[in-house]
Amino acid sequence: MDDINKYWDSIHKKLKLFILSKVSDISYTEDILQNVFIKIHSSIGTLKDENKINAWIYQIARNEITDHFRRLKKGKIFIPLVADQEEEQTINLWNEALADMIKMMDNLPLESCEALCLTELDGLSQKDYAQKVGISYTAAKSRVQRSRQMLKDMLLKCCHYELDRYETVIDISPNCCCCPHK
């Protein structure tokens, strides 16, 4: 593509919102966006079909987001000290939501719990999960998706999660007595 800078200007804002919706942190979003831009410039020669540039760019972004979470899990990303009370409250709410999620996973069928534990908590790719449990990659993807949906339904039945436009938890309140929050 001859004028990648012009194209970048047209897709930049949507791509930034996409990344922000996955990462929920503006500084990490900016870092990932910069990495995407660098990869686009260094790899533009590998693009075989210019009509598929959007899909190509978003795949680069998804890969960068995945790499970000892998680095975060391995402790290779510096998480800044909490700047203010509001930010600290957001972190606490996220931690509460995560703790609820992990507790509720015990109520899932064994296969579903295993699928989520291995892929979401242990960081195993869905392809590696499929190989580990001896099922097809397609079946593994379906199992993980169903398990995520089951867990989401359980969490939403128990508690009300108020989210901001970036999908950040801003408040949690109980829907019924099964929820540990007061």
Protein backbone atom coordinates (compact mmCIF):
# COMPACT_ATOMS: atom_id res chain seq x y z
CA MET A 1 0.00 0.00 0.00
CA ASP A 2 1.55 3.24 -1.13
CA ASP A 3 0.10 5.65 1.40
CA ILE A 4 0.02 3.73 4.69
CA ASN A 5 0.18 6.95 6.74
CA LYS A 6 -3.03 8.23 5.17
CA TYR A 7 -4.69 4.89 5.80
CA TRP A 8 -3.39 4.85 9.39
CA ASP A 9 -5.03 8.21 10.03
CA SER A 10 -8.37 6.81 8.92
CA ILE A 11 -8.25 3.67 11.09
CA HIS A 12 -6.28 4.97 14.09
CA LYS A 13 -9.23 6.09 16.27
CA LYS A 14 -11.29 2.93 15.77
CA LEU A 15 -8.27 0.75 16.43
CA LYS A 16 -7.47 2.69 19.60
CA LEU A 17 -11.03 2.18 20.88
CA PHE A 18 -10.82 -1.52 20.02
CA ILE A 19 -7.60 -1.92 22.00
CA LEU A 20 -8.93 0.15 24.90
CA SER A 21 -12.04 -2.06 25.08
CA LYS A 22 -9.77 -5.08 25.60
CA VAL A 23 -7.12 -3.54 27.87
CA SER A 24 -9.15 -0.93 29.84
CA ASP A 25 -6.09 1.23 30.48
CA ILE A 26 -5.25 4.24 28.35
CA SER A 27 -1.48 4.12 28.89
CA TYR A 28 -1.27 0.44 27.92
CA THR A 29 -3.56 1.18 24.99
CA GLU A 30 -1.17 3.84 23.73
CA ASP A 31 1.80 1.46 24.08
CA ILE A 32 0.01 -1.32 22.23
CA LEU A 33 -1.15 1.06 19.53
CA GLN A 34 2.41 2.25 19.01
CA ASN A 35 3.61 -1.37 18.74
CA VAL A 36 0.89 -2.08 16.18
CA PHE A 37 1.96 0.91 14.14
CA ILE A 38 5.60 -0.20 14.23
CA LYS A 39 4.64 -3.73 13.15
CA ILE A 40 2.51 -2.38 10.32
CA HIS A 41 5.41 -0.33 9.01
CA SER A 42 7.95 -3.12 9.36
CA SER A 43 5.70 -5.82 7.88
CA ILE A 44 3.66 -4.00 5.24
CA GLY A 45 5.61 -5.84 2.56
CA THR A 46 4.17 -9.16 3.76
CA LEU A 47 0.58 -8.08 3.06
CA LYS A 48 -0.54 -10.16 0.10
CA ASP A 49 -3.98 -8.67 -0.53
CA GLU A 50 -4.48 -4.93 0.01
CA ASN A 51 -8.24 -5.51 0.20
CA LYS A 52 -7.68 -7.37 3.48
CA ILE A 53 -5.64 -4.65 5.18
CA ASN A 54 -8.27 -4.04 7.89
CA ALA A 55 -8.30 -7.70 8.91
CA TRP A 56 -4.50 -7.76 8.79
CA ILE A 57 -4.17 -4.70 11.03
CA TYR A 58 -6.72 -5.96 13.54
CA GLN A 59 -4.94 -9.32 13.68
CA ILE A 60 -1.71 -7.49 14.50
CA ALA A 61 -3.61 -5.60 17.22
CA ARG A 62 -5.09 -8.80 18.66
CA ASN A 63 -1.63 -10.37 18.73
CA GLU A 64 -0.20 -7.32 20.52
CA ILE A 65 -3.04 -7.40 23.07
CA THR A 66 -2.37 -11.10 23.71
CA ASP A 67 1.33 -10.39 24.12
CA HIS A 68 0.50 -7.57 26.53
CA PHE A 69 -1.48 -9.90 28.80
CA ARG A 70 1.22 -12.55 28.63
CA ARG A 71 3.83 -10.01 29.71
CA LEU A 72 1.49 -8.77 32.43
CA LYS A 73 0.96 -12.31 33.73
CA LYS A 74 4.70 -12.96 33.77
CA GLY A 75 5.28 -9.75 35.71
CA LYS A 76 7.22 -8.09 32.90
CA ILE A 77 5.03 -4.98 32.89
CA PHE A 78 5.42 -2.29 35.51
CA ILE A 79 2.06 -1.43 37.05
CA PRO A 80 2.23 2.11 38.42
CA LEU A 81 1.27 2.93 41.97
CA VAL A 82 -2.33 3.95 42.38
CA ALA A 83 -2.62 7.63 41.58
CA ASP A 84 -5.81 8.43 43.46
CA GLN A 85 -8.63 7.00 45.52
CA GLU A 86 -10.95 6.55 42.53
CA GLU A 87 -8.36 4.48 40.69
CA GLU A 88 -7.74 2.41 43.83
CA GLN A 89 -11.49 1.76 44.12
CA THR A 90 -11.60 0.60 40.50
CA ILE A 91 -8.72 -1.82 41.12
CA ASN A 92 -10.49 -3.14 44.24
CA LEU A 93 -13.72 -3.67 42.30
CA TRP A 94 -11.85 -5.54 39.56
CA ASN A 95 -10.21 -7.73 42.20
CA GLU A 96 -13.61 -8.43 43.78
CA ALA A 97 -15.07 -9.35 40.41
CA LEU A 98 -12.15 -11.66 39.70
CA ALA A 99 -12.44 -13.31 43.11
CA ASP A 100 -16.19 -13.87 42.54
CA MET A 101 -15.48 -15.34 39.15
CA ILE A 102 -12.92 -17.80 40.51
CA LYS A 103 -15.27 -18.87 43.34
CA MET A 104 -18.13 -19.41 40.92
CA MET A 105 -16.00 -21.54 38.63
CA ASP A 106 -16.31 -24.30 41.25
CA ASN A 107 -20.04 -24.45 40.44
CA LEU A 108 -19.42 -25.10 36.74
CA PRO A 109 -19.37 -28.59 35.28
CA LEU A 110 -15.91 -30.13 35.58
CA GLU A 111 -15.11 -29.81 31.85
CA SER A 112 -16.09 -26.15 31.85
CA CYS A 113 -14.10 -25.36 34.97
CA GLU A 114 -11.07 -27.15 33.53
CA ALA A 115 -11.41 -25.28 30.22
CA LEU A 116 -11.47 -21.88 31.95
CA CYS A 117 -8.78 -22.72 34.48
CA LEU A 118 -6.36 -23.86 31.82
CA THR A 119 -7.04 -21.15 29.24
CA GLU A 120 -7.95 -18.10 31.31
CA LEU A 121 -6.02 -18.58 34.53
CA ASP A 122 -3.05 -20.69 33.44
CA GLY A 123 -2.68 -18.92 30.08
CA LEU A 124 -2.80 -22.05 27.92
CA SER A 125 -3.82 -21.31 24.34
CA GLN A 126 -7.03 -22.91 23.16
CA LYS A 127 -5.02 -24.93 20.65
CA ASP A 128 -2.73 -26.27 23.40
CA TYR A 129 -5.77 -26.92 25.59
CA ALA A 130 -7.33 -28.99 22.78
CA GLN A 131 -4.17 -31.08 22.50
CA LYS A 132 -3.89 -31.50 26.27
CA VAL A 133 -7.43 -32.85 26.71
CA GLY A 134 -7.52 -34.72 23.40
CA ILE A 135 -10.25 -32.86 21.53
CA SER A 136 -10.31 -30.94 18.27
CA TYR A 137 -9.35 -27.28 18.22
CA THR A 138 -12.90 -26.38 17.11
CA ALA A 139 -14.39 -28.35 20.01
CA ALA A 140 -11.98 -26.64 22.43
CA LYS A 141 -12.95 -23.18 21.19
CA SER A 142 -16.63 -24.04 21.54
CA ARG A 143 -16.12 -25.45 25.04
CA VAL A 144 -14.24 -22.36 26.20
CA GLN A 145 -16.90 -20.04 24.73
CA ARG A 146 -19.75 -22.02 26.35
CA SER A 147 -17.87 -22.06 29.64
CA ARG A 148 -17.30 -18.30 29.53
CA GLN A 149 -20.99 -17.74 28.81
CA MET A 150 -22.05 -20.06 31.65
CA LEU A 151 -19.77 -18.22 34.07
CA LYS A 152 -20.98 -14.83 32.85
CA ASP A 153 -24.61 -15.91 33.34
CA MET A 154 -23.84 -17.11 36.87
CA LEU A 155 -22.07 -13.87 37.76
CA LEU A 156 -24.85 -11.70 36.36
CA LYS A 157 -27.49 -13.75 38.18
CA CYS A 158 -25.64 -13.24 41.45
CA CYS A 159 -24.44 -9.65 41.21
CA HIS A 160 -25.04 -6.51 39.25
CA TYR A 161 -21.86 -5.19 37.67
CA GLU A 162 -21.98 -1.58 36.58
CA LEU A 163 -19.49 -0.96 33.77
CA ASP A 164 -18.27 2.22 32.17
CA ARG A 165 -17.98 2.63 28.40
CA TYR A 166 -14.58 0.91 28.46
CA GLU A 167 -16.03 -2.20 30.18
CA THR A 168 -14.31 -1.28 33.44
CA VAL A 169 -16.17 -2.37 36.58
CA ILE A 170 -17.23 0.77 38.43
CA ASP A 171 -19.61 -0.80 40.94
CA ILE A 172 -20.76 -4.21 42.16
CA SER A 173 -23.97 -4.82 44.05
CA PRO A 174 -25.73 -8.06 45.03
CA ASN A 175 -28.75 -9.27 43.08
CA CYS A 176 -29.60 -11.97 45.61
CA CYS A 177 -28.42 -13.64 48.79
CA CYS A 178 -25.94 -15.90 46.94
CA CYS A 179 -23.57 -12.99 46.44
CA PRO A 180 -20.95 -12.43 49.16
CA HIS A 181 -21.02 -8.62 48.76
CA LYS A 182 -22.87 -6.57 51.31
